[in-house]
Amino acid sequence: MPNVSIRVRLIFLSVLLLAILALSSALLIRELARDSRSLAEEAMLVSVVKNANSASKHFGDLKYWVIDSAVTQLASSRQASEAAKAGLDSDLKAISAVDPAVVAAIGREVGAMTDLARQAGV
């Protein structure tokens, strides 16, 4: 390159540096997009776990209030059990996107449990 002028050398170096910058920017953008997708998937999983935890709490409340309603025959216990059932149904609906068959089976089992508890109290 001794026969090439300094101006041409500087232009070549500038173009080379711009190409390196463009390539590194493209690689960083690709990595950011991949990380963004991973973060979105993790956020969805956190939401599912949160709803599952809430469903577990509502199921425990439902068991308590259904049994209390069957034993005491109080209207307040029946209302509390209906509120717990509504909360559980809401949580199960939110979880159903992950595995609808399992959620449907849980719904059937919860319905059978509440029916049996109410029959036991009669």
PDB file of N, CA and C in Angstrom:
ATOM      1  N   MET A   1       0.793  -1.189   0.000  1.00  0.00           N
ATOM      2  CA  MET A   1       0.000   0.000   0.000  1.00  0.00           C
ATOM      3  C   MET A   1       0.851   1.276   0.000  1.00  0.00           C
ATOM      4  N   PRO A   2       2.091   1.162  -0.226  1.00  0.00           N
ATOM      5  CA  PRO A   2       2.894   2.387  -0.206  1.00  0.00           C
ATOM      6  C   PRO A   2       2.577   3.331  -1.369  1.00  0.00           C
ATOM      7  N   ASN A   3       1.990   2.832  -2.450  1.00  0.00           N
ATOM      8  CA  ASN A   3       1.690   3.679  -3.598  1.00  0.00           C
ATOM      9  C   ASN A   3       0.326   4.360  -3.490  1.00  0.00           C
ATOM     10  N   VAL A   4      -0.450   4.034  -2.463  1.00  0.00           N
ATOM     11  CA  VAL A   4      -1.789   4.601  -2.304  1.00  0.00           C
ATOM     12  C   VAL A   4      -1.680   5.855  -1.443  1.00  0.00           C
ATOM     13  N   SER A   5      -2.446   6.853  -1.824  1.00  0.00           N
ATOM     14  CA  SER A   5      -2.361   8.119  -1.096  1.00  0.00           C
ATOM     15  C   SER A   5      -2.965   7.996   0.302  1.00  0.00           C
ATOM     16  N   ILE A   6      -2.619   8.930   1.137  1.00  0.00           N
ATOM     17  CA  ILE A   6      -3.116   8.938   2.517  1.00  0.00           C
ATOM     18  C   ILE A   6      -4.633   9.119   2.512  1.00  0.00           C
ATOM     19  N   ARG A   7      -5.135   9.929   1.613  1.00  0.00           N
ATOM     20  CA  ARG A   7      -6.585  10.142   1.535  1.00  0.00           C
ATOM     21  C   ARG A   7      -7.308   8.830   1.254  1.00  0.00           C
ATOM     22  N   VAL A   8      -6.850   8.049   0.328  1.00  0.00           N
ATOM     23  CA  VAL A   8      -7.475   6.764  -0.004  1.00  0.00           C
ATOM     24  C   VAL A   8      -7.359   5.811   1.177  1.00  0.00           C
ATOM     25  N   ARG A   9      -6.216   5.814   1.841  1.00  0.00           N
ATOM     26  CA  ARG A   9      -6.036   4.961   3.017  1.00  0.00           C
ATOM     27  C   ARG A   9      -7.040   5.335   4.115  1.00  0.00           C
ATOM     28  N   LEU A  10      -7.216   6.634   4.350  1.00  0.00           N
ATOM     29  CA  LEU A  10      -8.167   7.081   5.369  1.00  0.00           C
ATOM     30  C   LEU A  10      -9.603   6.711   5.002  1.00  0.00           C
ATOM     31  N   ILE A  11      -9.947   6.844   3.729  1.00  0.00           N
ATOM     32  CA  ILE A  11     -11.288   6.462   3.276  1.00  0.00           C
ATOM     33  C   ILE A  11     -11.485   4.965   3.471  1.00  0.00           C
ATOM     34  N   PHE A  12     -10.497   4.171   3.087  1.00  0.00           N
ATOM     35  CA  PHE A  12     -10.578   2.717   3.257  1.00  0.00           C
ATOM     36  C   PHE A  12     -10.721   2.360   4.734  1.00  0.00           C
ATOM     37  N   LEU A  13      -9.949   2.977   5.580  1.00  0.00           N
ATOM     38  CA  LEU A  13     -10.017   2.714   7.011  1.00  0.00           C
ATOM     39  C   LEU A  13     -11.369   3.131   7.586  1.00  0.00           C
ATOM     40  N   SER A  14     -11.893   4.259   7.157  1.00  0.00           N
ATOM     41  CA  SER A  14     -13.201   4.723   7.624  1.00  0.00           C
ATOM     42  C   SER A  14     -14.303   3.757   7.207  1.00  0.00           C
ATOM     43  N   VAL A  15     -14.272   3.313   5.954  1.00  0.00           N
ATOM     44  CA  VAL A  15     -15.275   2.352   5.469  1.00  0.00           C
ATOM     45  C   VAL A  15     -15.159   1.045   6.241  1.00  0.00           C
ATOM     46  N   LEU A  16     -13.952   0.591   6.489  1.00  0.00           N
ATOM     47  CA  LEU A  16     -13.746  -0.645   7.235  1.00  0.00           C
ATOM     48  C   LEU A  16     -14.280  -0.517   8.659  1.00  0.00           C
ATOM     49  N   LEU A  17     -14.006   0.590   9.314  1.00  0.00           N
ATOM     50  CA  LEU A  17     -14.493   0.803  10.674  1.00  0.00           C
ATOM     51  C   LEU A  17     -16.022   0.919  10.715  1.00  0.00           C
ATOM     52  N   LEU A  18     -16.610   1.567   9.714  1.00  0.00           N
ATOM     53  CA  LEU A  18     -18.074   1.650   9.647  1.00  0.00           C
ATOM     54  C   LEU A  18     -18.700   0.276   9.424  1.00  0.00           C
ATOM     55  N   ALA A  19     -18.066  -0.545   8.606  1.00  0.00           N
ATOM     56  CA  ALA A  19     -18.570  -1.902   8.372  1.00  0.00           C
ATOM     57  C   ALA A  19     -18.495  -2.719   9.661  1.00  0.00           C
ATOM     58  N   ILE A  20     -17.411  -2.593  10.401  1.00  0.00           N
ATOM     59  CA  ILE A  20     -17.272  -3.305  11.678  1.00  0.00           C
ATOM     60  C   ILE A  20     -18.330  -2.813  12.662  1.00  0.00           C
ATOM     61  N   LEU A  21     -18.563  -1.517  12.700  1.00  0.00           N
ATOM     62  CA  LEU A  21     -19.577  -0.953  13.592  1.00  0.00           C
ATOM     63  C   LEU A  21     -20.977  -1.448  13.214  1.00  0.00           C
ATOM     64  N   ALA A  22     -21.285  -1.480  11.933  1.00  0.00           N
ATOM     65  CA  ALA A  22     -22.595  -1.960  11.482  1.00  0.00           C
ATOM     66  C   ALA A  22     -22.787  -3.431  11.819  1.00  0.00           C
ATOM     67  N   LEU A  23     -21.752  -4.223  11.624  1.00  0.00           N
ATOM     68  CA  LEU A  23     -21.827  -5.653  11.937  1.00  0.00           C
ATOM     69  C   LEU A  23     -22.010  -5.885  13.428  1.00  0.00           C
ATOM     70  N   SER A  24     -21.255  -5.174  14.244  1.00  0.00           N
ATOM     71  CA  SER A  24     -21.400  -5.357  15.688  1.00  0.00           C
ATOM     72  C   SER A  24     -22.759  -4.863  16.173  1.00  0.00           C
ATOM     73  N   SER A  25     -23.277  -3.811  15.586  1.00  0.00           N
ATOM     74  CA  SER A  25     -24.613  -3.330  15.944  1.00  0.00           C
ATOM     75  C   SER A  25     -25.671  -4.351  15.568  1.00  0.00           C
ATOM     76  N   ALA A  26     -25.547  -4.951  14.406  1.00  0.00           N
ATOM     77  CA  ALA A  26     -26.510  -5.975  13.985  1.00  0.00           C
ATOM     78  C   ALA A  26     -26.481  -7.171  14.929  1.00  0.00           C
ATOM     79  N   LEU A  27     -25.294  -7.591  15.338  1.00  0.00           N
ATOM     80  CA  LEU A  27     -25.187  -8.714  16.273  1.00  0.00           C
ATOM     81  C   LEU A  27     -25.806  -8.366  17.627  1.00  0.00           C
ATOM     82  N   LEU A  28     -25.565  -7.162  18.104  1.00  0.00           N
ATOM     83  CA  LEU A  28     -26.139  -6.747  19.381  1.00  0.00           C
ATOM     84  C   LEU A  28     -27.662  -6.659  19.308  1.00  0.00           C
ATOM     85  N   ILE A  29     -28.186  -6.164  18.202  1.00  0.00           N
ATOM     86  CA  ILE A  29     -29.638  -6.074  18.035  1.00  0.00           C
ATOM     87  C   ILE A  29     -30.250  -7.472  18.024  1.00  0.00           C
ATOM     88  N   ARG A  30     -29.605  -8.400  17.349  1.00  0.00           N
ATOM     89  CA  ARG A  30     -30.106  -9.784  17.319  1.00  0.00           C
ATOM     90  C   ARG A  30     -30.112 -10.390  18.712  1.00  0.00           C
ATOM     91  N   GLU A  31     -29.064 -10.179  19.471  1.00  0.00           N
ATOM     92  CA  GLU A  31     -28.997 -10.701  20.840  1.00  0.00           C
ATOM     93  C   GLU A  31     -30.057 -10.057  21.735  1.00  0.00           C
ATOM     94  N   LEU A  32     -30.260  -8.765  21.583  1.00  0.00           N
ATOM     95  CA  LEU A  32     -31.287  -8.073  22.366  1.00  0.00           C
ATOM     96  C   LEU A  32     -32.684  -8.603  22.040  1.00  0.00           C
ATOM     97  N   ALA A  33     -32.945  -8.860  20.772  1.00  0.00           N
ATOM     98  CA  ALA A  33     -34.248  -9.404  20.376  1.00  0.00           C
ATOM     99  C   ALA A  33     -34.449 -10.795  20.970  1.00  0.00           C
ATOM    100  N   ARG A  34     -33.416 -11.615  20.961  1.00  0.00           N
ATOM    101  CA  ARG A  34     -33.507 -12.960  21.534  1.00  0.00           C
ATOM    102  C   ARG A  34     -33.732 -12.880  23.041  1.00  0.00           C
ATOM    103  N   ASP A  35     -33.007 -11.997  23.709  1.00  0.00           N
ATOM    104  CA  ASP A  35     -33.181 -11.835  25.148  1.00  0.00           C
ATOM    105  C   ASP A  35     -34.560 -11.283  25.485  1.00  0.00           C
ATOM    106  N   SER A  36     -35.069 -10.421  24.634  1.00  0.00           N
ATOM    107  CA  SER A  36     -36.405  -9.859  24.843  1.00  0.00           C
ATOM    108  C   SER A  36     -37.464 -10.952  24.747  1.00  0.00           C
ATOM    109  N   ARG A  37     -37.329 -11.853  23.790  1.00  0.00           N
ATOM    110  CA  ARG A  37     -38.270 -12.972  23.673  1.00  0.00           C
ATOM    111  C   ARG A  37     -38.189 -13.875  24.892  1.00  0.00           C
ATOM    112  N   SER A  38     -36.991 -14.135  25.359  1.00  0.00           N
ATOM    113  CA  SER A  38     -36.826 -14.970  26.549  1.00  0.00           C
ATOM    114  C   SER A  38     -37.460 -14.316  27.767  1.00  0.00           C
ATOM    115  N   LEU A  39     -37.283 -13.032  27.908  1.00  0.00           N
ATOM    116  CA  LEU A  39     -37.866 -12.300  29.032  1.00  0.00           C
ATOM    117  C   LEU A  39     -39.387 -12.326  28.973  1.00  0.00           C
ATOM    118  N   ALA A  40     -39.952 -12.209  27.779  1.00  0.00           N
ATOM    119  CA  ALA A  40     -41.410 -12.261  27.634  1.00  0.00           C
ATOM    120  C   ALA A  40     -41.938 -13.639  28.019  1.00  0.00           C
ATOM    121  N   GLU A  41     -41.225 -14.695  27.633  1.00  0.00           N
ATOM    122  CA  GLU A  41     -41.632 -16.055  28.012  1.00  0.00           C
ATOM    123  C   GLU A  41     -41.558 -16.244  29.520  1.00  0.00           C
ATOM    124  N   GLU A  42     -40.519 -15.729  30.140  1.00  0.00           N
ATOM    125  CA  GLU A  42     -40.389 -15.838  31.597  1.00  0.00           C
ATOM    126  C   GLU A  42     -41.489 -15.059  32.309  1.00  0.00           C
ATOM    127  N   ALA A  43     -41.847 -13.910  31.787  1.00  0.00           N
ATOM    128  CA  ALA A  43     -42.936 -13.126  32.387  1.00  0.00           C
ATOM    129  C   ALA A  43     -44.249 -13.887  32.300  1.00  0.00           C
ATOM    130  N   MET A  44     -44.475 -14.572  31.182  1.00  0.00           N
ATOM    131  CA  MET A  44     -45.687 -15.373  31.041  1.00  0.00           C
ATOM    132  C   MET A  44     -45.690 -16.518  32.049  1.00  0.00           C
ATOM    133  N   LEU A  45     -44.551 -17.153  32.242  1.00  0.00           N
ATOM    134  CA  LEU A  45     -44.459 -18.247  33.207  1.00  0.00           C
ATOM    135  C   LEU A  45     -44.671 -17.745  34.630  1.00  0.00           C
ATOM    136  N   VAL A  46     -44.155 -16.580  34.946  1.00  0.00           N
ATOM    137  CA  VAL A  46     -44.369 -15.998  36.275  1.00  0.00           C
ATOM    138  C   VAL A  46     -45.853 -15.737  36.490  1.00  0.00           C
ATOM    139  N   SER A  47     -46.525 -15.266  35.462  1.00  0.00           N
ATOM    140  CA  SER A  47     -47.968 -15.024  35.559  1.00  0.00           C
ATOM    141  C   SER A  47     -48.724 -16.327  35.803  1.00  0.00           C
ATOM    142  N   VAL A  48     -48.322 -17.388  35.132  1.00  0.00           N
ATOM    143  CA  VAL A  48     -48.974 -18.688  35.325  1.00  0.00           C
ATOM    144  C   VAL A  48     -48.746 -19.193  36.746  1.00  0.00           C
ATOM    145  N   VAL A  49     -47.535 -19.062  37.239  1.00  0.00           N
ATOM    146  CA  VAL A  49     -47.236 -19.504  38.611  1.00  0.00           C
ATOM    147  C   VAL A  49     -48.021 -18.675  39.624  1.00  0.00           C
ATOM    148  N   LYS A  50     -48.129 -17.386  39.378  1.00  0.00           N
ATOM    149  CA  LYS A  50     -48.902 -16.518  40.276  1.00  0.00           C
ATOM    150  C   LYS A  50     -50.365 -16.949  40.302  1.00  0.00           C
ATOM    151  N   ASN A  51     -50.926 -17.221  39.132  1.00  0.00           N
ATOM    152  CA  ASN A  51     -52.315 -17.673  39.069  1.00  0.00           C
ATOM    153  C   ASN A  51     -52.495 -19.041  39.708  1.00  0.00           C
ATOM    154  N   ALA A  52     -51.521 -19.930  39.555  1.00  0.00           N
ATOM    155  CA  ALA A  52     -51.601 -21.249  40.177  1.00  0.00           C
ATOM    156  C   ALA A  52     -51.549 -21.127  41.695  1.00  0.00           C
ATOM    157  N   ASN A  53     -50.712 -20.236  42.197  1.00  0.00           N
ATOM    158  CA  ASN A  53     -50.637 -20.018  43.637  1.00  0.00           C
ATOM    159  C   ASN A  53     -51.956 -19.453  44.163  1.00  0.00           C
ATOM    160  N   SER A  54     -52.528 -18.528  43.438  1.00  0.00           N
ATOM    161  CA  SER A  54     -53.817 -17.955  43.821  1.00  0.00           C
ATOM    162  C   SER A  54     -54.915 -19.018  43.779  1.00  0.00           C
ATOM    163  N   ALA A  55     -54.866 -19.887  42.778  1.00  0.00           N
ATOM    164  CA  ALA A  55     -55.846 -20.973  42.688  1.00  0.00           C
ATOM    165  C   ALA A  55     -55.713 -21.914  43.877  1.00  0.00           C
ATOM    166  N   SER A  56     -54.508 -22.182  44.285  1.00  0.00           N
ATOM    167  CA  SER A  56     -54.288 -23.046  45.454  1.00  0.00           C
ATOM    168  C   SER A  56     -54.889 -22.415  46.706  1.00  0.00           C
ATOM    169  N   LYS A  57     -54.696 -21.122  46.870  1.00  0.00           N
ATOM    170  CA  LYS A  57     -55.270 -20.419  48.023  1.00  0.00           C
ATOM    171  C   LYS A  57     -56.787 -20.453  47.973  1.00  0.00           C
ATOM    172  N   HIS A  58     -57.358 -20.165  46.806  1.00  0.00           N
ATOM    173  CA  HIS A  58     -58.812 -20.180  46.676  1.00  0.00           C
ATOM    174  C   HIS A  58     -59.374 -21.592  46.888  1.00  0.00           C
ATOM    175  N   PHE A  59     -58.650 -22.609  46.473  1.00  0.00           N
ATOM    176  CA  PHE A  59     -59.111 -23.975  46.698  1.00  0.00           C
ATOM    177  C   PHE A  59     -59.140 -24.294  48.193  1.00  0.00           C
ATOM    178  N   GLY A  60     -58.121 -23.871  48.907  1.00  0.00           N
ATOM    179  CA  GLY A  60     -58.113 -24.077  50.357  1.00  0.00           C
ATOM    180  C   GLY A  60     -59.264 -23.352  51.029  1.00  0.00           C
ATOM    181  N   ASP A  61     -59.513 -22.114  50.606  1.00  0.00           N
ATOM    182  CA  ASP A  61     -60.647 -21.366  51.141  1.00  0.00           C
ATOM    183  C   ASP A  61     -61.962 -22.058  50.808  1.00  0.00           C
ATOM    184  N   LEU A  62     -62.071 -22.543  49.572  1.00  0.00           N
ATOM    185  CA  LEU A  62     -63.290 -23.226  49.150  1.00  0.00           C
ATOM    186  C   LEU A  62     -63.547 -24.465  50.002  1.00  0.00           C
ATOM    187  N   LYS A  63     -62.514 -25.264  50.221  1.00  0.00           N
ATOM    188  CA  LYS A  63     -62.685 -26.466  51.061  1.00  0.00           C
ATOM    189  C   LYS A  63     -63.182 -26.085  52.452  1.00  0.00           C
ATOM    190  N   TYR A  64     -62.559 -25.087  53.043  1.00  0.00           N
ATOM    191  CA  TYR A  64     -62.943 -24.666  54.387  1.00  0.00           C
ATOM    192  C   TYR A  64     -64.396 -24.216  54.424  1.00  0.00           C
ATOM    193  N   TRP A  65     -64.779 -23.317  53.507  1.00  0.00           N
ATOM    194  CA  TRP A  65     -66.117 -22.738  53.561  1.00  0.00           C
ATOM    195  C   TRP A  65     -67.195 -23.731  53.147  1.00  0.00           C
ATOM    196  N   VAL A  66     -66.899 -24.652  52.241  1.00  0.00           N
ATOM    197  CA  VAL A  66     -67.888 -25.670  51.873  1.00  0.00           C
ATOM    198  C   VAL A  66     -68.159 -26.582  53.058  1.00  0.00           C
ATOM    199  N   ILE A  67     -67.123 -26.989  53.741  1.00  0.00           N
ATOM    200  CA  ILE A  67     -67.299 -27.856  54.915  1.00  0.00           C
ATOM    201  C   ILE A  67     -68.011 -27.084  56.021  1.00  0.00           C
ATOM    202  N   ASP A  68     -67.617 -25.829  56.237  1.00  0.00           N
ATOM    203  CA  ASP A  68     -68.273 -25.017  57.263  1.00  0.00           C
ATOM    204  C   ASP A  68     -69.746 -24.812  56.922  1.00  0.00           C
ATOM    205  N   SER A  69     -70.037 -24.575  55.655  1.00  0.00           N
ATOM    206  CA  SER A  69     -71.422 -24.390  55.229  1.00  0.00           C
ATOM    207  C   SER A  69     -72.234 -25.664  55.414  1.00  0.00           C
ATOM    208  N   ALA A  70     -71.621 -26.817  55.122  1.00  0.00           N
ATOM    209  CA  ALA A  70     -72.323 -28.095  55.285  1.00  0.00           C
ATOM    210  C   ALA A  70     -72.599 -28.375  56.757  1.00  0.00           C
ATOM    211  N   VAL A  71     -71.695 -27.997  57.631  1.00  0.00           N
ATOM    212  CA  VAL A  71     -71.845 -28.286  59.057  1.00  0.00           C
ATOM    213  C   VAL A  71     -72.787 -27.293  59.725  1.00  0.00           C
ATOM    214  N   THR A  72     -72.584 -26.002  59.454  1.00  0.00           N
ATOM    215  CA  THR A  72     -73.330 -24.978  60.191  1.00  0.00           C
ATOM    216  C   THR A  72     -74.603 -24.519  59.490  1.00  0.00           C
ATOM    217  N   GLN A  73     -74.704 -24.738  58.177  1.00  0.00           N
ATOM    218  CA  GLN A  73     -75.859 -24.305  57.383  1.00  0.00           C
ATOM    219  C   GLN A  73     -76.056 -22.778  57.428  1.00  0.00           C
ATOM    220  N   LEU A  74     -74.986 -22.032  57.641  1.00  0.00           N
ATOM    221  CA  LEU A  74     -75.072 -20.574  57.696  1.00  0.00           C
ATOM    222  C   LEU A  74     -74.995 -19.983  56.288  1.00  0.00           C
ATOM    223  N   ALA A  75     -75.781 -18.927  56.080  1.00  0.00           N
ATOM    224  CA  ALA A  75     -75.775 -18.261  54.780  1.00  0.00           C
ATOM    225  C   ALA A  75     -74.434 -17.583  54.520  1.00  0.00           C
ATOM    226  N   SER A  76     -73.806 -17.061  55.561  1.00  0.00           N
ATOM    227  CA  SER A  76     -72.514 -16.387  55.373  1.00  0.00           C
ATOM    228  C   SER A  76     -71.438 -17.376  54.917  1.00  0.00           C
ATOM    229  N   SER A  77     -71.499 -18.599  55.437  1.00  0.00           N
ATOM    230  CA  SER A  77     -70.540 -19.625  55.002  1.00  0.00           C
ATOM    231  C   SER A  77     -70.787 -20.000  53.548  1.00  0.00           C
ATOM    232  N   ARG A  78     -72.067 -20.100  53.161  1.00  0.00           N
ATOM    233  CA  ARG A  78     -72.398 -20.431  51.778  1.00  0.00           C
ATOM    234  C   ARG A  78     -71.922 -19.317  50.844  1.00  0.00           C
ATOM    235  N   GLN A  79     -72.108 -18.054  51.242  1.00  0.00           N
ATOM    236  CA  GLN A  79     -71.665 -16.937  50.426  1.00  0.00           C
ATOM    237  C   GLN A  79     -70.139 -16.902  50.310  1.00  0.00           C
ATOM    238  N   ALA A  80     -69.467 -17.200  51.413  1.00  0.00           N
ATOM    239  CA  ALA A  80     -68.001 -17.226  51.375  1.00  0.00           C
ATOM    240  C   ALA A  80     -67.506 -18.356  50.477  1.00  0.00           C
ATOM    241  N   SER A  81     -68.199 -19.504  50.504  1.00  0.00           N
ATOM    242  CA  SER A  81     -67.785 -20.617  49.640  1.00  0.00           C
ATOM    243  C   SER A  81     -68.036 -20.276  48.174  1.00  0.00           C
ATOM    244  N   GLU A  82     -69.120 -19.565  47.896  1.00  0.00           N
ATOM    245  CA  GLU A  82     -69.393 -19.149  46.511  1.00  0.00           C
ATOM    246  C   GLU A  82     -68.351 -18.138  46.029  1.00  0.00           C
ATOM    247  N   ALA A  83     -67.923 -17.252  46.922  1.00  0.00           N
ATOM    248  CA  ALA A  83     -66.882 -16.279  46.553  1.00  0.00           C
ATOM    249  C   ALA A  83     -65.552 -16.982  46.296  1.00  0.00           C
ATOM    250  N   ALA A  84     -65.225 -17.971  47.139  1.00  0.00           N
ATOM    251  CA  ALA A  84     -63.986 -18.734  46.933  1.00  0.00           C
ATOM    252  C   ALA A  84     -64.062 -19.528  45.632  1.00  0.00           C
ATOM    253  N   LYS A  85     -65.239 -20.078  45.321  1.00  0.00           N
ATOM    254  CA  LYS A  85     -65.421 -20.838  44.069  1.00  0.00           C
ATOM    255  C   LYS A  85     -65.257 -19.910  42.869  1.00  0.00           C
ATOM    256  N   ALA A  86     -65.806 -18.696  42.961  1.00  0.00           N
ATOM    257  CA  ALA A  86     -65.660 -17.738  41.862  1.00  0.00           C
ATOM    258  C   ALA A  86     -64.185 -17.365  41.664  1.00  0.00           C
ATOM    259  N   GLY A  87     -63.454 -17.162  42.763  1.00  0.00           N
ATOM    260  CA  GLY A  87     -62.026 -16.858  42.654  1.00  0.00           C
ATOM    261  C   GLY A  87     -61.247 -18.012  42.048  1.00  0.00           C
ATOM    262  N   LEU A  88     -61.581 -19.238  42.471  1.00  0.00           N
ATOM    263  CA  LEU A  88     -60.910 -20.421  41.924  1.00  0.00           C
ATOM    264  C   LEU A  88     -61.215 -20.561  40.439  1.00  0.00           C
ATOM    265  N   ASP A  89     -62.470 -20.367  40.057  1.00  0.00           N
ATOM    266  CA  ASP A  89     -62.835 -20.463  38.637  1.00  0.00           C
ATOM    267  C   ASP A  89     -62.087 -19.424  37.808  1.00  0.00           C
ATOM    268  N   SER A  90     -61.952 -18.221  38.346  1.00  0.00           N
ATOM    269  CA  SER A  90     -61.221 -17.170  37.641  1.00  0.00           C
ATOM    270  C   SER A  90     -59.751 -17.551  37.453  1.00  0.00           C
ATOM    271  N   ASP A  91     -59.136 -18.085  38.506  1.00  0.00           N
ATOM    272  CA  ASP A  91     -57.728 -18.501  38.414  1.00  0.00           C
ATOM    273  C   ASP A  91     -57.562 -19.669  37.441  1.00  0.00           C
ATOM    274  N   LEU A  92     -58.484 -20.620  37.492  1.00  0.00           N
ATOM    275  CA  LEU A  92     -58.403 -21.765  36.577  1.00  0.00           C
ATOM    276  C   LEU A  92     -58.582 -21.325  35.129  1.00  0.00           C
ATOM    277  N   LYS A  93     -59.448 -20.338  34.903  1.00  0.00           N
ATOM    278  CA  LYS A  93     -59.633 -19.814  33.550  1.00  0.00           C
ATOM    279  C   LYS A  93     -58.338 -19.183  33.045  1.00  0.00           C
ATOM    280  N   ALA A  94     -57.638 -18.472  33.930  1.00  0.00           N
ATOM    281  CA  ALA A  94     -56.373 -17.843  33.532  1.00  0.00           C
ATOM    282  C   ALA A  94     -55.300 -18.890  33.239  1.00  0.00           C
ATOM    283  N   ILE A  95     -55.338 -20.003  33.952  1.00  0.00           N
ATOM    284  CA  ILE A  95     -54.339 -21.059  33.774  1.00  0.00           C
ATOM    285  C   ILE A  95     -54.680 -21.955  32.584  1.00  0.00           C
ATOM    286  N   SER A  96     -55.930 -21.976  32.161  1.00  0.00           N
ATOM    287  CA  SER A  96     -56.371 -22.926  31.138  1.00  0.00           C
ATOM    288  C   SER A  96     -55.624 -22.786  29.816  1.00  0.00           C
ATOM    289  N   ALA A  97     -55.009 -21.641  29.567  1.00  0.00           N
ATOM    290  CA  ALA A  97     -54.249 -21.481  28.328  1.00  0.00           C
ATOM    291  C   ALA A  97     -53.035 -22.401  28.298  1.00  0.00           C
ATOM    292  N   VAL A  98     -52.516 -22.761  29.468  1.00  0.00           N
ATOM    293  CA  VAL A  98     -51.326 -23.608  29.528  1.00  0.00           C
ATOM    294  C   VAL A  98     -51.677 -25.071  29.274  1.00  0.00           C
ATOM    295  N   ASP A  99     -52.708 -25.579  29.988  1.00  0.00           N
ATOM    296  CA  ASP A  99     -53.113 -26.984  29.831  1.00  0.00           C
ATOM    297  C   ASP A  99     -54.615 -27.101  30.071  1.00  0.00           C
ATOM    298  N   PRO A 100     -55.431 -26.925  29.040  1.00  0.00           N
ATOM    299  CA  PRO A 100     -56.875 -26.902  29.216  1.00  0.00           C
ATOM    300  C   PRO A 100     -57.454 -28.226  29.715  1.00  0.00           C
ATOM    301  N   ALA A 101     -56.866 -29.345  29.335  1.00  0.00           N
ATOM    302  CA  ALA A 101     -57.391 -30.641  29.757  1.00  0.00           C
ATOM    303  C   ALA A 101     -57.260 -30.822  31.263  1.00  0.00           C
ATOM    304  N   VAL A 102     -56.124 -30.459  31.811  1.00  0.00           N
ATOM    305  CA  VAL A 102     -55.906 -30.596  33.254  1.00  0.00           C
ATOM    306  C   VAL A 102     -56.814 -29.638  34.017  1.00  0.00           C
ATOM    307  N   VAL A 103     -56.963 -28.424  33.516  1.00  0.00           N
ATOM    308  CA  VAL A 103     -57.823 -27.451  34.180  1.00  0.00           C
ATOM    309  C   VAL A 103     -59.278 -27.921  34.158  1.00  0.00           C
ATOM    310  N   ALA A 104     -59.715 -28.508  33.052  1.00  0.00           N
ATOM    311  CA  ALA A 104     -61.079 -29.039  32.978  1.00  0.00           C
ATOM    312  C   ALA A 104     -61.272 -30.176  33.977  1.00  0.00           C
ATOM    313  N   ALA A 105     -60.269 -31.040  34.103  1.00  0.00           N
ATOM    314  CA  ALA A 105     -60.348 -32.145  35.072  1.00  0.00           C
ATOM    315  C   ALA A 105     -60.407 -31.600  36.502  1.00  0.00           C
ATOM    316  N   ILE A 106     -59.625 -30.586  36.786  1.00  0.00           N
ATOM    317  CA  ILE A 106     -59.646 -29.970  38.123  1.00  0.00           C
ATOM    318  C   ILE A 106     -61.022 -29.379  38.387  1.00  0.00           C
ATOM    319  N   GLY A 107     -61.595 -28.710  37.405  1.00  0.00           N
ATOM    320  CA  GLY A 107     -62.923 -28.126  37.558  1.00  0.00           C
ATOM    321  C   GLY A 107     -63.971 -29.180  37.864  1.00  0.00           C
ATOM    322  N   ARG A 108     -63.904 -30.306  37.173  1.00  0.00           N
ATOM    323  CA  ARG A 108     -64.854 -31.399  37.439  1.00  0.00           C
ATOM    324  C   ARG A 108     -64.675 -31.954  38.843  1.00  0.00           C
ATOM    325  N   GLU A 109     -63.435 -32.138  39.262  1.00  0.00           N
ATOM    326  CA  GLU A 109     -63.166 -32.674  40.597  1.00  0.00           C
ATOM    327  C   GLU A 109     -63.618 -31.711  41.690  1.00  0.00           C
ATOM    328  N   VAL A 110     -63.411 -30.417  41.474  1.00  0.00           N
ATOM    329  CA  VAL A 110     -63.854 -29.420  42.453  1.00  0.00           C
ATOM    330  C   VAL A 110     -65.375 -29.427  42.542  1.00  0.00           C
ATOM    331  N   GLY A 111     -66.037 -29.519  41.405  1.00  0.00           N
ATOM    332  CA  GLY A 111     -67.496 -29.593  41.399  1.00  0.00           C
ATOM    333  C   GLY A 111     -67.997 -30.817  42.141  1.00  0.00           C
ATOM    334  N   ALA A 112     -67.366 -31.959  41.912  1.00  0.00           N
ATOM    335  CA  ALA A 112     -67.757 -33.187  42.615  1.00  0.00           C
ATOM    336  C   ALA A 112     -67.521 -33.047  44.113  1.00  0.00           C
ATOM    337  N   MET A 113     -66.395 -32.445  44.506  1.00  0.00           N
ATOM    338  CA  MET A 113     -66.101 -32.273  45.930  1.00  0.00           C
ATOM    339  C   MET A 113     -67.139 -31.382  46.608  1.00  0.00           C
ATOM    340  N   THR A 114     -67.476 -30.272  45.957  1.00  0.00           N
ATOM    341  CA  THR A 114     -68.455 -29.359  46.569  1.00  0.00           C
ATOM    342  C   THR A 114     -69.827 -30.011  46.645  1.00  0.00           C
ATOM    343  N   ASP A 115     -70.206 -30.783  45.631  1.00  0.00           N
ATOM    344  CA  ASP A 115     -71.496 -31.488  45.679  1.00  0.00           C
ATOM    345  C   ASP A 115     -71.530 -32.509  46.812  1.00  0.00           C
ATOM    346  N   LEU A 116     -70.463 -33.264  46.962  1.00  0.00           N
ATOM    347  CA  LEU A 116     -70.399 -34.248  48.045  1.00  0.00           C
ATOM    348  C   LEU A 116     -70.440 -33.591  49.406  1.00  0.00           C
ATOM    349  N   ALA A 117     -69.746 -32.490  49.576  1.00  0.00           N
ATOM    350  CA  ALA A 117     -69.749 -31.797  50.866  1.00  0.00           C
ATOM    351  C   ALA A 117     -71.133 -31.241  51.185  1.00  0.00           C
ATOM    352  N   ARG A 118     -71.816 -30.733  50.180  1.00  0.00           N
ATOM    353  CA  ARG A 118     -73.159 -30.214  50.411  1.00  0.00           C
ATOM    354  C   ARG A 118     -74.143 -31.341  50.715  1.00  0.00           C
ATOM    355  N   GLN A 119     -73.976 -32.485  50.048  1.00  0.00           N
ATOM    356  CA  GLN A 119     -74.851 -33.634  50.336  1.00  0.00           C
ATOM    357  C   GLN A 119     -74.598 -34.169  51.732  1.00  0.00           C
ATOM    358  N   ALA A 120     -73.358 -34.107  52.162  1.00  0.00           N
ATOM    359  CA  ALA A 120     -73.026 -34.596  53.507  1.00  0.00           C
ATOM    360  C   ALA A 120     -73.661 -33.731  54.593  1.00  0.00           C
ATOM    361  N   GLY A 121     -73.857 -32.463  54.287  1.00  0.00           N
ATOM    362  CA  GLY A 121     -74.439 -31.562  55.273  1.00  0.00           C
ATOM    363  C   GLY A 121     -75.946 -31.638  55.337  1.00  0.00           C
ATOM    364  N   VAL A 122     -76.562 -32.298  54.389  1.00  0.00           N
ATOM    365  CA  VAL A 122     -78.031 -32.372  54.367  1.00  0.00           C
ATOM    366  C   VAL A 122     -78.551 -33.453  55.247  1.00  0.00           C
TER     367      VAL A 122
END
